[in-house]
Amino acid sequence: MNLTKEDYKQMAEHILEYAIDGKTEVCADVYKGDEMFHIDGVLYAEYKTYEGGSYGYEKEWLTDIASVSLEIKDVWCDNDGDAPHNFKETMLMDCLESFI
């Protein structure tokens, strides 16, 4: 399976959904035709909290993800069980950081 920049963006979106929910064990699947690419990992996220305004004079504390790092545990493709030859961890990390 050949992964494109869009595939990495899709994986990053799936992984960050786990971070928003406060989970550290993450996974993402990408489907291309009859093939599926799967990644498992552990996500370490740092959060920042700041005072934000909403309506009128109300103020509230908001929390955003400040930074993430991903420890990849397993990468595989369902056709042969092996990781795709062109998987680039740095490309995935760049996509993760671009969403923050």
Foldseek 3Di string as FASTA:
>chain_A
DDDDLVNLLQFLVQQVVCVVVVAFWGKDWDDDPPKIKIWTWGKDWDKDWDWDDDDDPDIDIDIDTDAMDIDTDDIAMVVPGHHDPPDDPVSSRVSNVVVD
